[in-house]
Amino acid sequence: MTNLTAYARALGLAFQVQDDLLDIEGATEVIGKPQGSDAARAKPTYPALLGVAGAREHLAALLSGALESLRAFGPEADPLRAMADYVVARTH
């Protein structure tokens, strides 16, 4: 697997984990859907599988892995690093 493929996979999963967490913790007005709608529809989510704390730990590990995969690219990959940081910190 190439470094960029590893980055993309980690970033995609991180986006989903954060989305699942926002469904539990986000404000309906901000996230654009009713809070708790995933649970109400019995959707399988990372917090349902790992618990909220476990999902947060997994999210941190995914961010770490995404950033690690960019190490070889030096400062030229800073925009990709910023995107990864945004994905895990987003509120909507």
PDB file of N, CA and C in Angstrom:
ATOM      1  N   MET A   1       0.845  -1.168   0.000  1.00  0.00           N
ATOM      2  CA  MET A   1       0.000   0.000   0.000  1.00  0.00           C
ATOM      3  C   MET A   1       0.897   1.239   0.000  1.00  0.00           C
ATOM      4  N   THR A   2       0.557   2.176  -0.841  1.00  0.00           N
ATOM      5  CA  THR A   2       1.354   3.405  -0.885  1.00  0.00           C
ATOM      6  C   THR A   2       0.996   4.311   0.289  1.00  0.00           C
ATOM      7  N   ASN A   3       1.878   5.243   0.553  1.00  0.00           N
ATOM      8  CA  ASN A   3       1.629   6.188   1.647  1.00  0.00           C
ATOM      9  C   ASN A   3       0.349   6.980   1.428  1.00  0.00           C
ATOM     10  N   LEU A   4       0.111   7.405   0.196  1.00  0.00           N
ATOM     11  CA  LEU A   4      -1.092   8.189  -0.065  1.00  0.00           C
ATOM     12  C   LEU A   4      -2.359   7.343   0.048  1.00  0.00           C
ATOM     13  N   THR A   5      -2.278   6.078  -0.315  1.00  0.00           N
ATOM     14  CA  THR A   5      -3.420   5.183  -0.136  1.00  0.00           C
ATOM     15  C   THR A   5      -3.710   4.988   1.348  1.00  0.00           C
ATOM     16  N   ALA A   6      -2.663   4.803   2.138  1.00  0.00           N
ATOM     17  CA  ALA A   6      -2.837   4.647   3.586  1.00  0.00           C
ATOM     18  C   ALA A   6      -3.453   5.911   4.184  1.00  0.00           C
ATOM     19  N   TYR A   7      -2.996   7.070   3.740  1.00  0.00           N
ATOM     20  CA  TYR A   7      -3.552   8.339   4.196  1.00  0.00           C
ATOM     21  C   TYR A   7      -5.041   8.422   3.858  1.00  0.00           C
ATOM     22  N   ALA A   8      -5.374   8.127   2.611  1.00  0.00           N
ATOM     23  CA  ALA A   8      -6.761   8.235   2.164  1.00  0.00           C
ATOM     24  C   ALA A   8      -7.677   7.275   2.928  1.00  0.00           C
ATOM     25  N   ARG A   9      -7.230   6.077   3.156  1.00  0.00           N
ATOM     26  CA  ARG A   9      -8.046   5.108   3.911  1.00  0.00           C
ATOM     27  C   ARG A   9      -8.264   5.575   5.345  1.00  0.00           C
ATOM     28  N   ALA A  10      -7.205   6.019   5.983  1.00  0.00           N
ATOM     29  CA  ALA A  10      -7.323   6.493   7.364  1.00  0.00           C
ATOM     30  C   ALA A  10      -8.219   7.725   7.435  1.00  0.00           C
ATOM     31  N   LEU A  11      -8.073   8.635   6.484  1.00  0.00           N
ATOM     32  CA  LEU A  11      -8.873   9.848   6.481  1.00  0.00           C
ATOM     33  C   LEU A  11     -10.349   9.530   6.249  1.00  0.00           C
ATOM     34  N   GLY A  12     -10.638   8.628   5.338  1.00  0.00           N
ATOM     35  CA  GLY A  12     -12.023   8.245   5.074  1.00  0.00           C
ATOM     36  C   GLY A  12     -12.685   7.624   6.290  1.00  0.00           C
ATOM     37  N   LEU A  13     -11.978   6.729   6.950  1.00  0.00           N
ATOM     38  CA  LEU A  13     -12.521   6.120   8.161  1.00  0.00           C
ATOM     39  C   LEU A  13     -12.667   7.152   9.282  1.00  0.00           C
ATOM     40  N   ALA A  14     -11.703   8.037   9.404  1.00  0.00           N
ATOM     41  CA  ALA A  14     -11.778   9.086  10.424  1.00  0.00           C
ATOM     42  C   ALA A  14     -13.011   9.954  10.185  1.00  0.00           C
ATOM     43  N   PHE A  15     -13.292  10.277   8.933  1.00  0.00           N
ATOM     44  CA  PHE A  15     -14.487  11.066   8.616  1.00  0.00           C
ATOM     45  C   PHE A  15     -15.735  10.343   9.106  1.00  0.00           C
ATOM     46  N   GLN A  16     -15.810   9.045   8.868  1.00  0.00           N
ATOM     47  CA  GLN A  16     -16.986   8.281   9.283  1.00  0.00           C
ATOM     48  C   GLN A  16     -17.106   8.189  10.799  1.00  0.00           C
ATOM     49  N   VAL A  17     -16.005   7.939  11.469  1.00  0.00           N
ATOM     50  CA  VAL A  17     -16.041   7.859  12.933  1.00  0.00           C
ATOM     51  C   VAL A  17     -16.502   9.195  13.510  1.00  0.00           C
ATOM     52  N   GLN A  18     -15.953  10.303  13.005  1.00  0.00           N
ATOM     53  CA  GLN A  18     -16.368  11.620  13.500  1.00  0.00           C
ATOM     54  C   GLN A  18     -17.845  11.861  13.186  1.00  0.00           C
ATOM     55  N   ASP A  19     -18.306  11.455  12.033  1.00  0.00           N
ATOM     56  CA  ASP A  19     -19.717  11.598  11.682  1.00  0.00           C
ATOM     57  C   ASP A  19     -20.592  10.837  12.668  1.00  0.00           C
ATOM     58  N   ASP A  20     -20.176   9.620  13.004  1.00  0.00           N
ATOM     59  CA  ASP A  20     -20.922   8.807  13.969  1.00  0.00           C
ATOM     60  C   ASP A  20     -20.945   9.470  15.348  1.00  0.00           C
ATOM     61  N   LEU A  21     -19.828  10.050  15.753  1.00  0.00           N
ATOM     62  CA  LEU A  21     -19.772  10.743  17.042  1.00  0.00           C
ATOM     63  C   LEU A  21     -20.641  12.007  17.030  1.00  0.00           C
ATOM     64  N   LEU A  22     -20.624  12.732  15.927  1.00  0.00           N
ATOM     65  CA  LEU A  22     -21.451  13.928  15.827  1.00  0.00           C
ATOM     66  C   LEU A  22     -22.929  13.590  15.906  1.00  0.00           C
ATOM     67  N   ASP A  23     -23.320  12.436  15.403  1.00  0.00           N
ATOM     68  CA  ASP A  23     -24.725  12.036  15.478  1.00  0.00           C
ATOM     69  C   ASP A  23     -25.174  11.892  16.934  1.00  0.00           C
ATOM     70  N   ILE A  24     -24.250  11.558  17.800  1.00  0.00           N
ATOM     71  CA  ILE A  24     -24.566  11.387  19.219  1.00  0.00           C
ATOM     72  C   ILE A  24     -24.420  12.713  19.969  1.00  0.00           C
ATOM     73  N   GLU A  25     -23.380  13.465  19.652  1.00  0.00           N
ATOM     74  CA  GLU A  25     -23.010  14.627  20.453  1.00  0.00           C
ATOM     75  C   GLU A  25     -23.299  15.974  19.800  1.00  0.00           C
ATOM     76  N   GLY A  26     -23.526  15.983  18.494  1.00  0.00           N
ATOM     77  CA  GLY A  26     -23.702  17.243  17.789  1.00  0.00           C
ATOM     78  C   GLY A  26     -25.094  17.824  17.960  1.00  0.00           C
ATOM     79  N   ALA A  27     -25.193  19.118  17.763  1.00  0.00           N
ATOM     80  CA  ALA A  27     -26.479  19.796  17.827  1.00  0.00           C
ATOM     81  C   ALA A  27     -27.205  19.631  16.498  1.00  0.00           C
ATOM     82  N   THR A  28     -28.479  19.330  16.558  1.00  0.00           N
ATOM     83  CA  THR A  28     -29.289  19.115  15.367  1.00  0.00           C
ATOM     84  C   THR A  28     -29.145  20.274  14.381  1.00  0.00           C
ATOM     85  N   GLU A  29     -29.158  21.505  14.880  1.00  0.00           N
ATOM     86  CA  GLU A  29     -29.066  22.683  14.011  1.00  0.00           C
ATOM     87  C   GLU A  29     -27.729  22.759  13.286  1.00  0.00           C
ATOM     88  N   VAL A  30     -26.703  22.183  13.874  1.00  0.00           N
ATOM     89  CA  VAL A  30     -25.359  22.267  13.302  1.00  0.00           C
ATOM     90  C   VAL A  30     -25.073  21.090  12.377  1.00  0.00           C
ATOM     91  N   ILE A  31     -25.470  19.883  12.778  1.00  0.00           N
ATOM     92  CA  ILE A  31     -25.095  18.706  11.988  1.00  0.00           C
ATOM     93  C   ILE A  31     -26.013  18.476  10.793  1.00  0.00           C
ATOM     94  N   GLY A  32     -27.156  19.156  10.749  1.00  0.00           N
ATOM     95  CA  GLY A  32     -28.014  19.075   9.580  1.00  0.00           C
ATOM     96  C   GLY A  32     -28.936  17.867   9.549  1.00  0.00           C
ATOM     97  N   LYS A  33     -29.022  17.143  10.631  1.00  0.00           N
ATOM     98  CA  LYS A  33     -29.957  16.024  10.762  1.00  0.00           C
ATOM     99  C   LYS A  33     -30.280  15.884  12.238  1.00  0.00           C
ATOM    100  N   PRO A  34     -31.391  15.240  12.553  1.00  0.00           N
ATOM    101  CA  PRO A  34     -31.743  15.109  13.967  1.00  0.00           C
ATOM    102  C   PRO A  34     -30.669  14.336  14.741  1.00  0.00           C
ATOM    103  N   GLN A  35     -30.262  14.901  15.875  1.00  0.00           N
ATOM    104  CA  GLN A  35     -29.299  14.205  16.732  1.00  0.00           C
ATOM    105  C   GLN A  35     -29.879  12.842  17.105  1.00  0.00           C
ATOM    106  N   GLY A  36     -29.048  11.815  17.046  1.00  0.00           N
ATOM    107  CA  GLY A  36     -29.480  10.467  17.399  1.00  0.00           C
ATOM    108  C   GLY A  36     -30.198   9.725  16.295  1.00  0.00           C
ATOM    109  N   SER A  37     -30.220  10.284  15.084  1.00  0.00           N
ATOM    110  CA  SER A  37     -30.949   9.637  13.995  1.00  0.00           C
ATOM    111  C   SER A  37     -30.337   8.299  13.587  1.00  0.00           C
ATOM    112  N   ASP A  38     -29.031   8.157  13.725  1.00  0.00           N
ATOM    113  CA  ASP A  38     -28.404   6.864  13.393  1.00  0.00           C
ATOM    114  C   ASP A  38     -28.879   5.775  14.349  1.00  0.00           C
ATOM    115  N   ALA A  39     -28.900   6.075  15.633  1.00  0.00           N
ATOM    116  CA  ALA A  39     -29.359   5.104  16.625  1.00  0.00           C
ATOM    117  C   ALA A  39     -30.837   4.801  16.436  1.00  0.00           C
ATOM    118  N   ALA A  40     -31.622   5.833  16.121  1.00  0.00           N
ATOM    119  CA  ALA A  40     -33.063   5.637  15.920  1.00  0.00           C
ATOM    120  C   ALA A  40     -33.330   4.711  14.742  1.00  0.00           C
ATOM    121  N   ARG A  41     -32.449   4.714  13.765  1.00  0.00           N
ATOM    122  CA  ARG A  41     -32.595   3.845  12.594  1.00  0.00           C
ATOM    123  C   ARG A  41     -31.789   2.554  12.740  1.00  0.00           C
ATOM    124  N   ALA A  42     -31.233   2.348  13.924  1.00  0.00           N
ATOM    125  CA  ALA A  42     -30.449   1.145  14.231  1.00  0.00           C
ATOM    126  C   ALA A  42     -29.292   0.944  13.254  1.00  0.00           C
ATOM    127  N   LYS A  43     -28.674   2.047  12.849  1.00  0.00           N
ATOM    128  CA  LYS A  43     -27.517   1.966  11.957  1.00  0.00           C
ATOM    129  C   LYS A  43     -26.312   1.483  12.746  1.00  0.00           C
ATOM    130  N   PRO A  44     -25.511   0.626  12.162  1.00  0.00           N
ATOM    131  CA  PRO A  44     -24.264   0.231  12.842  1.00  0.00           C
ATOM    132  C   PRO A  44     -23.281   1.405  12.799  1.00  0.00           C
ATOM    133  N   THR A  45     -22.792   1.793  13.952  1.00  0.00           N
ATOM    134  CA  THR A  45     -21.875   2.927  14.040  1.00  0.00           C
ATOM    135  C   THR A  45     -20.681   2.546  14.902  1.00  0.00           C
ATOM    136  N   TYR A  46     -19.631   3.336  14.785  1.00  0.00           N
ATOM    137  CA  TYR A  46     -18.445   3.075  15.607  1.00  0.00           C
ATOM    138  C   TYR A  46     -18.737   3.222  17.090  1.00  0.00           C
ATOM    139  N   PRO A  47     -19.470   4.261  17.531  1.00  0.00           N
ATOM    140  CA  PRO A  47     -19.787   4.325  18.963  1.00  0.00           C
ATOM    141  C   PRO A  47     -20.643   3.144  19.438  1.00  0.00           C
ATOM    142  N   ALA A  48     -21.525   2.656  18.583  1.00  0.00           N
ATOM    143  CA  ALA A  48     -22.330   1.493  18.976  1.00  0.00           C
ATOM    144  C   ALA A  48     -21.441   0.271  19.148  1.00  0.00           C
ATOM    145  N   LEU A  49     -20.439   0.152  18.314  1.00  0.00           N
ATOM    146  CA  LEU A  49     -19.534  -0.994  18.358  1.00  0.00           C
ATOM    147  C   LEU A  49     -18.480  -0.859  19.451  1.00  0.00           C
ATOM    148  N   LEU A  50     -17.892   0.336  19.578  1.00  0.00           N
ATOM    149  CA  LEU A  50     -16.736   0.537  20.460  1.00  0.00           C
ATOM    150  C   LEU A  50     -17.046   1.351  21.711  1.00  0.00           C
ATOM    151  N   GLY A  51     -18.232   1.934  21.781  1.00  0.00           N
ATOM    152  CA  GLY A  51     -18.532   2.908  22.823  1.00  0.00           C
ATOM    153  C   GLY A  51     -17.978   4.255  22.404  1.00  0.00           C
ATOM    154  N   VAL A  52     -18.462   5.308  23.020  1.00  0.00           N
ATOM    155  CA  VAL A  52     -18.009   6.651  22.648  1.00  0.00           C
ATOM    156  C   VAL A  52     -16.511   6.813  22.911  1.00  0.00           C
ATOM    157  N   ALA A  53     -16.049   6.374  24.070  1.00  0.00           N
ATOM    158  CA  ALA A  53     -14.619   6.502  24.386  1.00  0.00           C
ATOM    159  C   ALA A  53     -13.772   5.688  23.412  1.00  0.00           C
ATOM    160  N   GLY A  54     -14.216   4.488  23.097  1.00  0.00           N
ATOM    161  CA  GLY A  54     -13.480   3.650  22.155  1.00  0.00           C
ATOM    162  C   GLY A  54     -13.460   4.252  20.762  1.00  0.00           C
ATOM    163  N   ALA A  55     -14.569   4.855  20.352  1.00  0.00           N
ATOM    164  CA  ALA A  55     -14.627   5.505  19.040  1.00  0.00           C
ATOM    165  C   ALA A  55     -13.674   6.695  19.000  1.00  0.00           C
ATOM    166  N   ARG A  56     -13.604   7.448  20.097  1.00  0.00           N
ATOM    167  CA  ARG A  56     -12.672   8.580  20.160  1.00  0.00           C
ATOM    168  C   ARG A  56     -11.216   8.102  20.077  1.00  0.00           C
ATOM    169  N   GLU A  57     -10.913   7.002  20.758  1.00  0.00           N
ATOM    170  CA  GLU A  57      -9.559   6.435  20.689  1.00  0.00           C
ATOM    171  C   GLU A  57      -9.247   5.979  19.270  1.00  0.00           C
ATOM    172  N   HIS A  58     -10.213   5.345  18.621  1.00  0.00           N
ATOM    173  CA  HIS A  58     -10.018   4.888  17.244  1.00  0.00           C
ATOM    174  C   HIS A  58      -9.810   6.086  16.319  1.00  0.00           C
ATOM    175  N   LEU A  59     -10.576   7.141  16.537  1.00  0.00           N
ATOM    176  CA  LEU A  59     -10.429   8.360  15.745  1.00  0.00           C
ATOM    177  C   LEU A  59      -9.022   8.938  15.897  1.00  0.00           C
ATOM    178  N   ALA A  60      -8.524   8.983  17.127  1.00  0.00           N
ATOM    179  CA  ALA A  60      -7.166   9.489  17.367  1.00  0.00           C
ATOM    180  C   ALA A  60      -6.125   8.613  16.682  1.00  0.00           C
ATOM    181  N   ALA A  61      -6.320   7.306  16.709  1.00  0.00           N
ATOM    182  CA  ALA A  61      -5.378   6.389  16.054  1.00  0.00           C
ATOM    183  C   ALA A  61      -5.411   6.570  14.541  1.00  0.00           C
ATOM    184  N   LEU A  62      -6.604   6.788  13.991  1.00  0.00           N
ATOM    185  CA  LEU A  62      -6.714   7.018  12.551  1.00  0.00           C
ATOM    186  C   LEU A  62      -6.017   8.310  12.152  1.00  0.00           C
ATOM    187  N   LEU A  63      -6.189   9.362  12.943  1.00  0.00           N
ATOM    188  CA  LEU A  63      -5.505  10.625  12.654  1.00  0.00           C
ATOM    189  C   LEU A  63      -3.992  10.426  12.715  1.00  0.00           C
ATOM    190  N   SER A  64      -3.533   9.747  13.734  1.00  0.00           N
ATOM    191  CA  SER A  64      -2.106   9.494  13.874  1.00  0.00           C
ATOM    192  C   SER A  64      -1.575   8.714  12.671  1.00  0.00           C
ATOM    193  N   GLY A  65      -2.309   7.699  12.255  1.00  0.00           N
ATOM    194  CA  GLY A  65      -1.892   6.909  11.098  1.00  0.00           C
ATOM    195  C   GLY A  65      -1.876   7.724   9.815  1.00  0.00           C
ATOM    196  N   ALA A  66      -2.887   8.578   9.632  1.00  0.00           N
ATOM    197  CA  ALA A  66      -2.934   9.423   8.438  1.00  0.00           C
ATOM    198  C   ALA A  66      -1.733  10.359   8.404  1.00  0.00           C
ATOM    199  N   LEU A  67      -1.453  10.981   9.541  1.00  0.00           N
ATOM    200  CA  LEU A  67      -0.325  11.913   9.597  1.00  0.00           C
ATOM    201  C   LEU A  67       1.009  11.188   9.421  1.00  0.00           C
ATOM    202  N   GLU A  68       1.125  10.016  10.007  1.00  0.00           N
ATOM    203  CA  GLU A  68       2.359   9.237   9.869  1.00  0.00           C
ATOM    204  C   GLU A  68       2.617   8.869   8.404  1.00  0.00           C
ATOM    205  N   SER A  69       1.562   8.557   7.679  1.00  0.00           N
ATOM    206  CA  SER A  69       1.740   8.159   6.277  1.00  0.00           C
ATOM    207  C   SER A  69       2.238   9.316   5.417  1.00  0.00           C
ATOM    208  N   LEU A  70       2.120  10.535   5.919  1.00  0.00           N
ATOM    209  CA  LEU A  70       2.587  11.711   5.159  1.00  0.00           C
ATOM    210  C   LEU A  70       3.999  12.138   5.529  1.00  0.00           C
ATOM    211  N   ARG A  71       4.592  11.490   6.504  1.00  0.00           N
ATOM    212  CA  ARG A  71       5.903  11.900   6.991  1.00  0.00           C
ATOM    213  C   ARG A  71       6.943  12.047   5.879  1.00  0.00           C
ATOM    214  N   ALA A  72       6.956  11.125   4.942  1.00  0.00           N
ATOM    215  CA  ALA A  72       7.972  11.130   3.890  1.00  0.00           C
ATOM    216  C   ALA A  72       7.842  12.322   2.937  1.00  0.00           C
ATOM    217  N   PHE A  73       6.708  12.996   2.952  1.00  0.00           N
ATOM    218  CA  PHE A  73       6.472  14.073   1.992  1.00  0.00           C
ATOM    219  C   PHE A  73       6.902  15.447   2.484  1.00  0.00           C
ATOM    220  N   GLY A  74       7.295  15.542   3.753  1.00  0.00           N
ATOM    221  CA  GLY A  74       7.764  16.818   4.289  1.00  0.00           C
ATOM    222  C   GLY A  74       6.687  17.878   4.301  1.00  0.00           C
ATOM    223  N   PRO A  75       7.104  19.140   4.329  1.00  0.00           N
ATOM    224  CA  PRO A  75       6.150  20.239   4.451  1.00  0.00           C
ATOM    225  C   PRO A  75       5.212  20.395   3.248  1.00  0.00           C
ATOM    226  N   GLU A  76       5.572  19.804   2.127  1.00  0.00           N
ATOM    227  CA  GLU A  76       4.693  19.908   0.954  1.00  0.00           C
ATOM    228  C   GLU A  76       3.336  19.244   1.201  1.00  0.00           C
ATOM    229  N   ALA A  77       3.267  18.349   2.180  1.00  0.00           N
ATOM    230  CA  ALA A  77       2.010  17.662   2.495  1.00  0.00           C
ATOM    231  C   ALA A  77       1.217  18.384   3.590  1.00  0.00           C
ATOM    232  N   ASP A  78       1.632  19.588   3.967  1.00  0.00           N
ATOM    233  CA  ASP A  78       0.921  20.318   5.024  1.00  0.00           C
ATOM    234  C   ASP A  78      -0.562  20.528   4.723  1.00  0.00           C
ATOM    235  N   PRO A  79      -0.950  20.800   3.470  1.00  0.00           N
ATOM    236  CA  PRO A  79      -2.391  20.911   3.209  1.00  0.00           C
ATOM    237  C   PRO A  79      -3.146  19.606   3.510  1.00  0.00           C
ATOM    238  N   LEU A  80      -2.522  18.473   3.251  1.00  0.00           N
ATOM    239  CA  LEU A  80      -3.155  17.188   3.572  1.00  0.00           C
ATOM    240  C   LEU A  80      -3.220  16.980   5.080  1.00  0.00           C
ATOM    241  N   ARG A  81      -2.208  17.421   5.781  1.00  0.00           N
ATOM    242  CA  ARG A  81      -2.228  17.347   7.251  1.00  0.00           C
ATOM    243  C   ARG A  81      -3.355  18.223   7.807  1.00  0.00           C
ATOM    244  N   ALA A  82      -3.493  19.414   7.249  1.00  0.00           N
ATOM    245  CA  ALA A  82      -4.556  20.321   7.695  1.00  0.00           C
ATOM    246  C   ALA A  82      -5.934  19.713   7.425  1.00  0.00           C
ATOM    247  N   MET A  83      -6.082  19.030   6.311  1.00  0.00           N
ATOM    248  CA  MET A  83      -7.358  18.387   6.003  1.00  0.00           C
ATOM    249  C   MET A  83      -7.665  17.293   7.022  1.00  0.00           C
ATOM    250  N   ALA A  84      -6.669  16.515   7.378  1.00  0.00           N
ATOM    251  CA  ALA A  84      -6.869  15.463   8.371  1.00  0.00           C
ATOM    252  C   ALA A  84      -7.258  16.065   9.720  1.00  0.00           C
ATOM    253  N   ASP A  85      -6.594  17.131  10.108  1.00  0.00           N
ATOM    254  CA  ASP A  85      -6.939  17.802  11.374  1.00  0.00           C
ATOM    255  C   ASP A  85      -8.364  18.317  11.328  1.00  0.00           C
ATOM    256  N   TYR A  86      -8.757  18.872  10.211  1.00  0.00           N
ATOM    257  CA  TYR A  86     -10.123  19.401  10.067  1.00  0.00           C
ATOM    258  C   TYR A  86     -11.158  18.278  10.194  1.00  0.00           C
ATOM    259  N   VAL A  87     -10.904  17.151   9.564  1.00  0.00           N
ATOM    260  CA  VAL A  87     -11.857  16.044   9.576  1.00  0.00           C
ATOM    261  C   VAL A  87     -12.165  15.590  10.999  1.00  0.00           C
ATOM    262  N   VAL A  88     -11.158  15.516  11.840  1.00  0.00           N
ATOM    263  CA  VAL A  88     -11.405  15.028  13.209  1.00  0.00           C
ATOM    264  C   VAL A  88     -11.917  16.118  14.140  1.00  0.00           C
ATOM    265  N   ALA A  89     -11.763  17.382  13.764  1.00  0.00           N
ATOM    266  CA  ALA A  89     -12.211  18.472  14.627  1.00  0.00           C
ATOM    267  C   ALA A  89     -13.534  19.084  14.164  1.00  0.00           C
ATOM    268  N   ARG A  90     -14.039  18.644  13.027  1.00  0.00           N
ATOM    269  CA  ARG A  90     -15.235  19.288  12.470  1.00  0.00           C
ATOM    270  C   ARG A  90     -16.438  19.107  13.389  1.00  0.00           C
ATOM    271  N   THR A  91     -17.360  20.044  13.280  1.00  0.00           N
ATOM    272  CA  THR A  91     -18.554  20.020  14.117  1.00  0.00           C
ATOM    273  C   THR A  91     -19.822  19.790  13.309  1.00  0.00           C
ATOM    274  N   HIS A  92     -19.686  19.580  12.035  1.00  0.00           N
ATOM    275  CA  HIS A  92     -20.843  19.319  11.169  1.00  0.00           C
ATOM    276  C   HIS A  92     -20.444  18.457   9.989  1.00  0.00           C
TER     277      HIS A  92
END
